[in-house]
Amino acid sequence: MAFWNRRRSIDAMIAGHEGERLKATLSWPHLLALGVGAIVGTGILTLIGVGAGLAGPAVLVSFGLAGLVCLCAALAYAELSTMMPAAGSAYAYSYAVLGELAAWVIGWSLILEYSLVVSAVAVGWSGYAVGFLSGLGIDVPLALAAGPHAGGIVNLPAVAIIGVVTGLLLLGTRESATLNAVLVVIKIAALVAFVALALPHFEQAHFTPFMPNGFGAPFVQTGVMAAAAIIFFAFYGFDAISTAAEETKKPERDLAIGIVGSMLICTVLYMVVAAVAIGARPVADFADSPEPLALILRQIGQGGWAQVIAAAAVIALPTVLLAFLFGQSRIFLGMARDGLLPRRLAKVSSRGVPAVVTVFTAVIVAILAGLLPLDELASLANAGTLAAFCAVGVCLAVLRLREPGRKRMFKAPLWPLVSVVAVVGCIVFFLSLKTVTQVGFLVWNALGLVVYFGWSMWHSRLGQDLEA
């Protein structure tokens, strides 16, 4: 079997790594909270304004389209993760279904996605934290509050919050998941409070004209499709659940509940929040705001509640860091186990967590968050997500055709349609991204291929097993 086409056996994947397996401590409530914690972040707090500026009130349609594509991807993830409950997510599925080269590209893309998401969120949290401390009379020096690009030396709060979340993950998966669940409740309560406060100010006239910039199409930077391509990124995060497959007590049941359940909860929540926001104030009033929900509350005379909701969001924002840092370390773990990254990264601690790879991941994202400007780079994370979702849609179809008789604990309904919507939707969204993002993604993967052909291909555990 050629190097690019060699595949891992699904049965061997499930049975393998017995001496290195992670401790199974999670149940479906933990997974549901992990997914909601990853999905509901800065996206819902900021992208409503950006999307409304592109699509007008028809941003509701954009939310629906983005949610549909993500739901199909979630169904595919649910089926594959219950069949292959091992750390690695889309990387592991691609290795078993599409071959090593495709798996490397997806794994490399996931490294891009998770690293930049964690770093960008840490930088965003730092901005809120510095402002909050300033309000208390504590001024953080610019040298310690921003990277060199902004006249500082290092963004210390961003590095610090990554350190705190890393320490929590090292304590144990169950402990970190329990705290995550508490913070998720706070975050959901903040959005519910917004809906309750803004709903009395709802005016149907704000929905006219409904679609001022048209539906749009690929390569068009305005309209419903352009907004959907951006809003899509407020949904992803449920894929982090699949990286916890090996640490789930009953993966055959709990993974599907966590993945599909978190997507359904967030889709409904997003649609309701978006509809209430538009009904409360005209789109033009908050389209350009970095904090549209807080701005809407201030405009309707609820300035005190605006501060409370902003504070709740800041308190709960580390749930996004926790979920993606958790997922990133598990992706690294899967690739290290397979020899595509140094195998010493796959060591599991006495507490049942991959301590070495968790610290390694934290160091990388802390450097990025502390020193680099991530405003434009963060969009590259979205391209990596699209690649992973597209691969999972392909894997679903290929495995259904190749091994129709294999036992499936969860079956995606209407799988041909689910696969097509996930793949085509991701391709269309990718084509709707800015050209600089598309080029950056291709450059990143070109670098990845250099690493693969120069080192990983020769150290692949599967390749060595085949040669033996």
Protein backbone atom coordinates (compact mmCIF):
# COMPACT_ATOMS: atom_id res chain seq x y z
CA MET A 1 0.00 0.00 0.00
CA ALA A 2 1.44 3.38 -1.03
CA PHE A 3 2.42 5.74 1.79
CA TRP A 4 -0.26 8.24 0.89
CA ASN A 5 -2.99 5.58 0.86
CA ARG A 6 -2.04 3.46 3.87
CA ARG A 7 -4.92 3.36 6.31
CA ARG A 8 -5.29 2.47 9.97
CA SER A 9 -7.63 -0.39 10.78
CA ILE A 10 -10.72 0.79 12.65
CA ASP A 11 -10.63 -2.30 14.85
CA ALA A 12 -6.95 -1.77 15.65
CA MET A 13 -7.66 1.89 16.42
CA ILE A 14 -10.29 0.95 18.99
CA ALA A 15 -8.20 -1.79 20.60
CA GLY A 16 -4.81 -0.10 20.34
CA HIS A 17 -2.82 2.03 22.75
CA GLU A 18 -4.01 0.01 25.76
CA GLY A 19 -1.01 1.08 27.80
CA GLU A 20 -1.54 4.71 26.88
CA ARG A 21 -5.28 5.04 27.06
CA LEU A 22 -6.83 8.07 28.69
CA LYS A 23 -9.06 7.67 31.75
CA ALA A 24 -12.78 7.44 30.95
CA THR A 25 -14.48 9.90 33.31
CA LEU A 26 -17.01 11.82 31.18
CA SER A 27 -20.74 11.29 30.71
CA TRP A 28 -23.19 13.00 28.36
CA PRO A 29 -23.88 16.08 30.57
CA HIS A 30 -20.13 16.83 30.60
CA LEU A 31 -19.97 16.45 26.81
CA LEU A 32 -23.05 18.60 26.28
CA ALA A 33 -21.52 21.33 28.44
CA LEU A 34 -18.18 20.97 26.65
CA GLY A 35 -19.87 21.47 23.29
CA VAL A 36 -22.04 24.40 24.34
CA GLY A 37 -19.04 25.93 26.12
CA ALA A 38 -16.97 25.74 22.94
CA ILE A 39 -19.72 26.95 20.60
CA VAL A 40 -21.15 29.84 22.61
CA GLY A 41 -18.31 32.33 22.83
CA THR A 42 -17.35 35.65 21.34
CA GLY A 43 -19.15 34.65 18.14
CA ILE A 44 -22.70 35.16 19.37
CA LEU A 45 -21.63 38.35 21.15
CA THR A 46 -20.02 39.97 18.10
CA LEU A 47 -20.94 38.19 14.86
CA ILE A 48 -24.60 39.13 15.02
CA GLY A 49 -23.54 42.68 14.26
CA VAL A 50 -21.10 41.71 11.51
CA GLY A 51 -23.60 39.37 9.89
CA ALA A 52 -26.43 41.87 10.10
CA GLY A 53 -24.23 44.44 8.39
CA LEU A 54 -23.77 42.07 5.44
CA ALA A 55 -27.26 40.58 5.16
CA GLY A 56 -29.58 42.96 7.03
CA PRO A 57 -32.48 41.29 8.88
CA ALA A 58 -31.96 38.29 6.58
CA VAL A 59 -29.06 37.42 8.86
CA LEU A 60 -31.65 35.09 10.38
CA VAL A 61 -31.48 33.09 7.16
CA SER A 62 -27.68 33.17 7.41
CA PHE A 63 -27.87 31.69 10.90
CA GLY A 64 -30.19 29.01 9.59
CA LEU A 65 -27.91 28.09 6.67
CA ALA A 66 -24.80 28.02 8.84
CA GLY A 67 -26.63 25.98 11.44
CA LEU A 68 -27.84 23.51 8.79
CA VAL A 69 -24.34 22.86 7.44
CA CYS A 70 -22.94 22.51 10.96
CA LEU A 71 -25.78 20.22 12.00
CA CYS A 72 -25.02 17.92 9.08
CA ALA A 73 -21.35 17.95 10.02
CA ALA A 74 -22.38 17.22 13.64
CA LEU A 75 -24.43 14.20 12.53
CA ALA A 76 -21.43 12.90 10.60
CA TYR A 77 -19.18 13.45 13.61
CA ALA A 78 -21.67 11.63 15.84
CA GLU A 79 -21.74 8.52 13.65
CA LEU A 80 -17.97 8.36 13.14
CA SER A 81 -17.05 9.13 16.75
CA THR A 82 -19.25 6.33 18.10
CA MET A 83 -17.63 3.92 15.63
CA MET A 84 -14.10 5.09 16.40
CA PRO A 85 -14.01 6.29 20.04
CA ALA A 86 -10.35 7.30 20.05
CA ALA A 87 -8.55 10.62 20.53
CA GLY A 88 -7.95 12.43 17.25
CA SER A 89 -11.36 13.47 15.91
CA ALA A 90 -11.44 14.21 12.16
CA TYR A 91 -7.73 13.34 11.91
CA ALA A 92 -8.37 9.81 13.23
CA TYR A 93 -11.40 9.28 10.98
CA SER A 94 -9.46 10.43 7.92
CA TYR A 95 -6.58 8.07 8.78
CA ALA A 96 -8.96 5.09 8.88
CA VAL A 97 -11.02 6.04 5.82
CA LEU A 98 -9.03 8.27 3.44
CA GLY A 99 -5.42 7.36 4.17
CA GLU A 100 -2.37 8.79 5.87
CA LEU A 101 -1.70 11.77 3.62
CA ALA A 102 -5.28 13.03 3.87
CA ALA A 103 -5.15 12.46 7.63
CA TRP A 104 -1.97 14.52 7.89
CA VAL A 105 -3.54 17.42 5.97
CA ILE A 106 -6.63 17.34 8.21
CA GLY A 107 -4.55 17.02 11.38
CA TRP A 108 -2.32 19.89 10.27
CA SER A 109 -5.43 21.98 9.51
CA LEU A 110 -6.86 21.20 12.95
CA ILE A 111 -3.61 22.33 14.57
CA LEU A 112 -4.07 25.64 12.76
CA GLU A 113 -7.72 25.92 13.80
CA TYR A 114 -7.34 25.08 17.46
CA SER A 115 -4.09 27.00 18.04
CA LEU A 116 -5.39 30.23 16.56
CA VAL A 117 -8.81 29.95 18.20
CA VAL A 118 -7.25 29.50 21.65
CA SER A 119 -4.79 32.33 21.07
CA ALA A 120 -7.37 34.71 19.62
CA VAL A 121 -9.87 34.08 22.41
CA ALA A 122 -7.12 34.57 25.00
CA VAL A 123 -6.24 37.92 23.43
CA GLY A 124 -9.92 38.89 23.37
CA TRP A 125 -10.34 37.90 27.00
CA SER A 126 -7.25 39.94 27.85
CA GLY A 127 -8.86 43.06 26.38
CA TYR A 128 -11.96 42.61 28.53
CA ALA A 129 -9.86 41.81 31.62
CA VAL A 130 -7.64 44.87 31.23
CA GLY A 131 -10.71 47.09 30.85
CA PHE A 132 -12.37 45.47 33.86
CA LEU A 133 -9.27 45.98 36.01
CA SER A 134 -9.02 49.58 34.81
CA GLY A 135 -12.56 50.17 36.04
CA LEU A 136 -11.44 48.96 39.44
CA GLY A 137 -8.54 51.43 39.42
CA ILE A 138 -5.91 48.84 38.50
CA ASP A 139 -4.03 49.86 35.36
CA VAL A 140 -2.02 47.18 33.57
CA PRO A 141 1.03 48.76 31.84
CA LEU A 142 0.86 48.70 28.05
CA ALA A 143 4.15 46.80 27.97
CA LEU A 144 2.44 43.89 29.73
CA ALA A 145 -1.00 44.22 28.12
CA ALA A 146 -0.10 43.97 24.42
CA GLY A 147 2.35 42.32 22.07
CA PRO A 148 5.10 44.11 20.08
CA HIS A 149 2.66 44.85 17.23
CA ALA A 150 0.71 47.17 19.56
CA GLY A 151 3.63 48.89 21.25
CA GLY A 152 3.94 46.46 24.16
CA ILE A 153 6.29 43.61 25.03
CA VAL A 154 3.99 40.71 25.88
CA ASN A 155 0.25 40.28 26.43
CA LEU A 156 0.60 38.95 29.95
CA PRO A 157 -3.12 38.52 30.79
CA ALA A 158 -3.56 36.37 27.67
CA VAL A 159 -0.61 34.19 28.67
CA ALA A 160 -1.92 34.02 32.24
CA ILE A 161 -5.41 32.81 31.34
CA ILE A 162 -3.93 30.08 29.13
CA GLY A 163 -1.78 29.04 32.08
CA VAL A 164 -4.81 28.89 34.39
CA VAL A 165 -6.85 26.78 31.94
CA THR A 166 -3.87 24.49 31.34
CA GLY A 167 -3.48 23.94 35.07
CA LEU A 168 -7.16 23.05 35.28
CA LEU A 169 -6.81 20.50 32.48
CA LEU A 170 -3.80 18.94 34.19
CA LEU A 171 -5.86 18.40 37.36
CA GLY A 172 -8.00 15.92 35.50
CA THR A 173 -10.58 15.75 32.73
CA ARG A 174 -13.60 15.30 35.00
CA GLU A 175 -12.60 18.18 37.29
CA SER A 176 -12.14 20.59 34.39
CA ALA A 177 -15.39 19.43 32.76
CA THR A 178 -17.35 20.07 35.97
CA LEU A 179 -16.14 23.67 36.26
CA ASN A 180 -16.78 24.12 32.55
CA ALA A 181 -20.41 23.10 33.08
CA VAL A 182 -20.84 25.75 35.79
CA LEU A 183 -19.40 28.48 33.57
CA VAL A 184 -21.60 27.39 30.66
CA VAL A 185 -24.70 27.88 32.82
CA ILE A 186 -23.54 31.46 33.54
CA LYS A 187 -23.04 32.12 29.83
CA ILE A 188 -26.45 30.75 28.83
CA ALA A 189 -28.08 32.74 31.64
CA ALA A 190 -26.54 35.94 30.22
CA LEU A 191 -28.06 35.30 26.78
CA VAL A 192 -31.44 34.40 28.26
CA ALA A 193 -31.34 37.64 30.27
CA PHE A 194 -30.66 39.59 27.06
CA VAL A 195 -33.70 38.03 25.38
CA ALA A 196 -35.92 38.76 28.38
CA LEU A 197 -34.79 42.41 28.57
CA ALA A 198 -34.90 43.18 24.83
CA LEU A 199 -38.08 41.31 23.87
CA PRO A 200 -40.49 43.99 25.21
CA HIS A 201 -38.91 46.45 22.74
CA PHE A 202 -39.53 44.17 19.72
CA GLU A 203 -40.81 45.97 16.60
CA GLN A 204 -41.72 44.08 13.43
CA ALA A 205 -40.89 47.12 11.28
CA HIS A 206 -37.18 46.55 11.91
CA PHE A 207 -37.34 43.49 9.60
CA THR A 208 -38.15 45.60 6.52
CA PRO A 209 -36.48 45.48 4.02
CA PHE A 210 -35.65 41.89 4.93
CA MET A 211 -32.89 41.13 2.40
CA PRO A 212 -31.39 44.50 1.34
CA ASN A 213 -28.16 43.03 -0.09
CA GLY A 214 -29.67 39.98 -1.79
CA PHE A 215 -28.85 36.32 -1.26
CA GLY A 216 -25.30 36.49 -2.59
CA ALA A 217 -23.11 33.72 -3.98
CA PRO A 218 -19.54 32.40 -3.69
CA PHE A 219 -16.88 35.09 -4.20
CA VAL A 220 -19.47 37.79 -3.33
CA GLN A 221 -18.64 39.65 -0.11
CA THR A 222 -22.16 40.80 0.79
CA GLY A 223 -25.56 39.20 1.14
CA VAL A 224 -26.96 36.21 3.01
CA MET A 225 -24.22 33.77 1.89
CA ALA A 226 -21.38 36.10 2.86
CA ALA A 227 -22.95 36.53 6.29
CA ALA A 228 -23.45 32.77 6.61
CA ALA A 229 -19.78 32.17 5.81
CA ILE A 230 -18.83 34.39 8.76
CA ILE A 231 -21.60 33.29 11.12
CA PHE A 232 -20.61 29.67 10.49
CA PHE A 233 -17.67 30.31 12.77
CA ALA A 234 -19.98 31.11 15.67
CA PHE A 235 -21.16 27.48 15.52
CA TYR A 236 -18.05 25.39 15.39
CA GLY A 237 -16.69 23.92 18.57
CA PHE A 238 -18.87 20.82 18.82
CA ASP A 239 -16.05 18.94 17.09
CA ALA A 240 -14.08 19.32 20.34
CA ILE A 241 -16.48 16.76 21.82
CA SER A 242 -15.28 14.09 19.41
CA THR A 243 -11.72 14.56 20.68
CA ALA A 244 -13.00 13.39 24.11
CA ALA A 245 -14.23 10.05 22.73
CA GLU A 246 -11.57 8.02 24.52
CA GLU A 247 -12.42 9.66 27.86
CA THR A 248 -16.15 9.00 27.61
CA LYS A 249 -17.73 6.30 29.79
CA LYS A 250 -20.35 5.25 27.23
CA PRO A 251 -19.15 6.66 23.88
CA GLU A 252 -21.70 4.66 21.92
CA ARG A 253 -24.48 6.75 23.51
CA ASP A 254 -23.00 9.87 25.07
CA LEU A 255 -21.00 11.18 22.09
CA ALA A 256 -24.07 11.46 19.87
CA ILE A 257 -26.04 13.18 22.65
CA GLY A 258 -23.21 15.66 23.28
CA ILE A 259 -22.47 16.49 19.66
CA VAL A 260 -25.97 16.71 18.21
CA GLY A 261 -27.51 18.07 21.41
CA SER A 262 -25.06 20.96 21.74
CA MET A 263 -25.60 21.91 18.09
CA LEU A 264 -29.39 21.92 18.41
CA ILE A 265 -29.29 23.94 21.65
CA CYS A 266 -26.94 26.54 20.17
CA THR A 267 -28.79 26.80 16.84
CA VAL A 268 -32.10 27.54 18.61
CA LEU A 269 -30.38 29.93 21.03
CA TYR A 270 -28.64 31.82 18.22
CA MET A 271 -31.80 32.18 16.15
CA VAL A 272 -33.78 33.51 19.11
CA VAL A 273 -31.05 35.96 20.18
CA ALA A 274 -30.62 37.22 16.60
CA ALA A 275 -34.36 37.69 16.07
CA VAL A 276 -34.78 39.57 19.37
CA ALA A 277 -31.71 41.75 18.67
CA ILE A 278 -33.04 42.82 15.27
CA GLY A 279 -36.53 43.34 16.62
CA ALA A 280 -35.26 45.52 19.46
CA ARG A 281 -33.17 47.91 17.36
CA PRO A 282 -32.69 48.65 13.63
CA VAL A 283 -29.76 46.74 12.13
CA ALA A 284 -27.89 49.96 11.30
CA ASP A 285 -27.72 50.83 15.01
CA PHE A 286 -25.53 47.88 15.98
CA ALA A 287 -24.06 46.44 12.75
CA ASP A 288 -20.61 47.98 13.28
CA SER A 289 -20.39 47.46 17.03
CA PRO A 290 -17.85 45.01 18.54
CA GLU A 291 -20.36 44.46 21.38
CA PRO A 292 -23.77 44.57 19.67
CA LEU A 293 -25.81 42.93 22.45
CA ALA A 294 -24.47 45.24 25.15
CA LEU A 295 -24.99 48.24 22.84
CA ILE A 296 -28.62 47.25 22.23
CA LEU A 297 -29.26 47.04 25.96
CA ARG A 298 -27.76 50.47 26.53
CA GLN A 299 -29.88 51.91 23.72
CA ILE A 300 -33.07 50.60 25.32
CA GLY A 301 -32.10 52.04 28.71
CA GLN A 302 -30.66 48.92 30.32
CA GLY A 303 -27.09 50.12 30.82
CA GLY A 304 -26.71 48.36 34.17
CA TRP A 305 -27.75 45.02 32.73
CA ALA A 306 -25.41 45.60 29.79
CA GLN A 307 -22.51 45.65 32.24
CA VAL A 308 -23.78 42.55 34.04
CA ILE A 309 -24.10 40.57 30.82
CA ALA A 310 -20.67 41.73 29.65
CA ALA A 311 -19.19 40.66 32.98
CA ALA A 312 -20.89 37.26 32.75
CA ALA A 313 -19.49 36.79 29.27
CA VAL A 314 -15.96 37.58 30.47
CA ILE A 315 -16.28 35.17 33.39
CA ALA A 316 -17.51 32.37 31.15
CA LEU A 317 -15.29 33.02 28.12
CA PRO A 318 -12.55 30.66 29.40
CA THR A 319 -14.93 27.76 28.58
CA VAL A 320 -13.97 28.31 24.94
CA LEU A 321 -10.30 28.21 25.86
CA LEU A 322 -10.82 25.04 27.88
CA ALA A 323 -12.70 23.22 25.12
CA PHE A 324 -10.28 24.10 22.32
CA LEU A 325 -7.12 23.62 24.39
CA PHE A 326 -8.55 20.25 25.41
CA GLY A 327 -9.23 19.38 21.77
CA GLN A 328 -5.86 20.61 20.53
CA SER A 329 -3.96 18.46 23.00
CA ARG A 330 -5.97 15.38 21.92
CA ILE A 331 -5.25 16.04 18.25
CA PHE A 332 -1.53 16.27 19.05
CA LEU A 333 -1.87 13.09 21.11
CA GLY A 334 -3.39 11.13 18.23
CA MET A 335 -0.72 12.28 15.76
CA ALA A 336 2.06 11.55 18.25
CA ARG A 337 0.75 8.05 18.89
CA ASP A 338 0.87 7.42 15.15
CA GLY A 339 4.46 8.65 14.88
CA LEU A 340 3.58 11.65 12.71
CA LEU A 341 4.72 13.87 15.59
CA PRO A 342 7.39 12.96 18.20
CA ARG A 343 6.05 10.00 20.19
CA ARG A 344 7.21 11.35 23.54
CA LEU A 345 4.24 13.74 23.31
CA ALA A 346 1.87 10.77 23.77
CA LYS A 347 2.82 10.10 27.41
CA VAL A 348 -0.18 9.93 29.77
CA SER A 349 0.13 11.10 33.40
CA SER A 350 -0.97 9.23 36.54
CA ARG A 351 -4.16 11.33 36.54
CA GLY A 352 -5.08 9.89 33.14
CA VAL A 353 -4.40 13.03 31.09
CA PRO A 354 -1.79 13.65 28.36
CA ALA A 355 0.29 15.99 30.51
CA VAL A 356 3.27 16.39 28.18
CA VAL A 357 1.23 17.25 25.10
CA THR A 358 -1.10 19.53 27.12
CA VAL A 359 1.84 21.60 28.38
CA PHE A 360 3.43 21.55 24.90
CA THR A 361 0.18 22.83 23.37
CA ALA A 362 -0.17 25.52 26.04
CA VAL A 363 3.34 26.82 25.42
CA ILE A 364 2.69 27.17 21.68
CA VAL A 365 -0.63 29.00 22.02
CA ALA A 366 0.70 31.18 24.85
CA ILE A 367 3.56 32.36 22.64
CA LEU A 368 1.10 33.16 19.84
CA ALA A 369 -1.26 34.98 22.20
CA GLY A 370 1.49 36.87 24.00
CA LEU A 371 3.38 38.16 20.98
CA LEU A 372 1.41 38.08 17.74
CA PRO A 373 -1.39 40.20 16.24
CA LEU A 374 -4.19 37.71 15.65
CA ASP A 375 -6.97 39.88 14.27
CA GLU A 376 -6.41 38.78 10.67
CA LEU A 377 -4.70 35.45 11.38
CA ALA A 378 -7.67 34.19 13.40
CA SER A 379 -9.73 33.83 10.23
CA LEU A 380 -7.29 31.11 9.14
CA ALA A 381 -8.73 28.99 11.95
CA ASN A 382 -12.02 29.05 10.08
CA ALA A 383 -10.45 27.58 6.94
CA GLY A 384 -9.00 24.76 9.03
CA THR A 385 -12.43 24.03 10.48
CA LEU A 386 -14.02 23.91 7.04
CA ALA A 387 -11.39 21.43 5.86
CA ALA A 388 -12.08 19.17 8.85
CA PHE A 389 -15.87 19.32 8.46
CA CYS A 390 -15.58 18.60 4.75
CA ALA A 391 -13.34 15.57 5.43
CA VAL A 392 -15.79 14.19 7.99
CA GLY A 393 -18.63 14.48 5.45
CA VAL A 394 -16.55 12.56 2.90
CA CYS A 395 -15.56 9.93 5.48
CA LEU A 396 -19.21 9.34 6.36
CA ALA A 397 -20.11 8.60 2.72
CA VAL A 398 -17.03 6.50 1.94
CA LEU A 399 -17.41 4.33 5.02
CA ARG A 400 -21.14 3.80 4.40
CA LEU A 401 -20.31 2.54 0.89
CA ARG A 402 -17.15 0.61 1.78
CA GLU A 403 -18.36 -1.05 4.99
CA PRO A 404 -22.17 -0.96 5.03
CA GLY A 405 -22.33 -3.91 7.44
CA ARG A 406 -20.09 -2.44 10.14
CA LYS A 407 -21.85 -1.95 13.47
CA ARG A 408 -22.94 1.66 14.00
CA MET A 409 -24.11 2.71 17.46
CA PHE A 410 -25.50 5.94 15.99
CA LYS A 411 -26.62 6.28 12.36
CA ALA A 412 -26.90 9.68 10.72
CA PRO A 413 -30.38 9.91 9.17
CA LEU A 414 -30.54 10.43 5.39
CA TRP A 415 -26.75 9.99 5.27
CA PRO A 416 -26.33 10.79 1.53
CA LEU A 417 -28.03 14.16 2.04
CA VAL A 418 -26.14 14.81 5.28
CA SER A 419 -22.83 14.10 3.56
CA VAL A 420 -23.58 16.25 0.51
CA VAL A 421 -24.82 19.24 2.55
CA ALA A 422 -21.77 19.10 4.83
CA VAL A 423 -19.25 18.84 1.98
CA VAL A 424 -20.86 21.27 -0.48
CA GLY A 425 -21.73 23.75 2.27
CA CYS A 426 -18.14 23.82 3.54
CA ILE A 427 -16.76 24.30 0.03
CA VAL A 428 -19.16 27.18 -0.64
CA PHE A 429 -18.30 28.81 2.68
CA PHE A 430 -14.58 28.44 1.96
CA LEU A 431 -15.04 30.15 -1.42
CA SER A 432 -16.86 32.97 0.39
CA LEU A 433 -13.83 33.70 2.60
CA LYS A 434 -11.42 36.50 1.81
CA THR A 435 -8.74 35.68 -0.74
CA VAL A 436 -5.98 36.36 1.77
CA THR A 437 -7.47 33.72 4.08
CA GLN A 438 -7.67 31.15 1.30
CA VAL A 439 -4.07 31.79 0.28
CA GLY A 440 -2.89 31.68 3.90
CA PHE A 441 -4.57 28.30 4.37
CA LEU A 442 -2.86 26.89 1.27
CA VAL A 443 0.52 28.24 2.40
CA TRP A 444 0.05 26.66 5.85
CA ASN A 445 -0.71 23.28 4.29
CA ALA A 446 2.21 23.59 1.87
CA LEU A 447 4.41 24.01 4.94
CA GLY A 448 2.70 20.99 6.45
CA LEU A 449 3.50 18.84 3.40
CA VAL A 450 7.16 19.82 3.71
CA VAL A 451 7.11 18.58 7.32
CA TYR A 452 5.28 15.40 6.31
CA PHE A 453 7.57 14.43 3.45
CA GLY A 454 10.67 15.56 5.30
CA TRP A 455 10.02 13.85 8.67
CA SER A 456 6.58 12.46 9.49
CA MET A 457 6.26 10.06 6.58
CA TRP A 458 9.49 8.31 7.64
CA HIS A 459 8.51 8.04 11.31
CA SER A 460 4.92 6.91 10.80
CA ARG A 461 4.15 3.97 13.09
CA LEU A 462 1.79 2.51 10.49
CA GLY A 463 4.44 2.81 7.78
CA GLN A 464 6.98 1.02 9.94
CA ASP A 465 4.50 -1.72 10.81
CA LEU A 466 3.80 -2.30 7.12
CA GLU A 467 7.50 -2.45 6.31
CA ALA A 468 8.05 -4.94 9.13
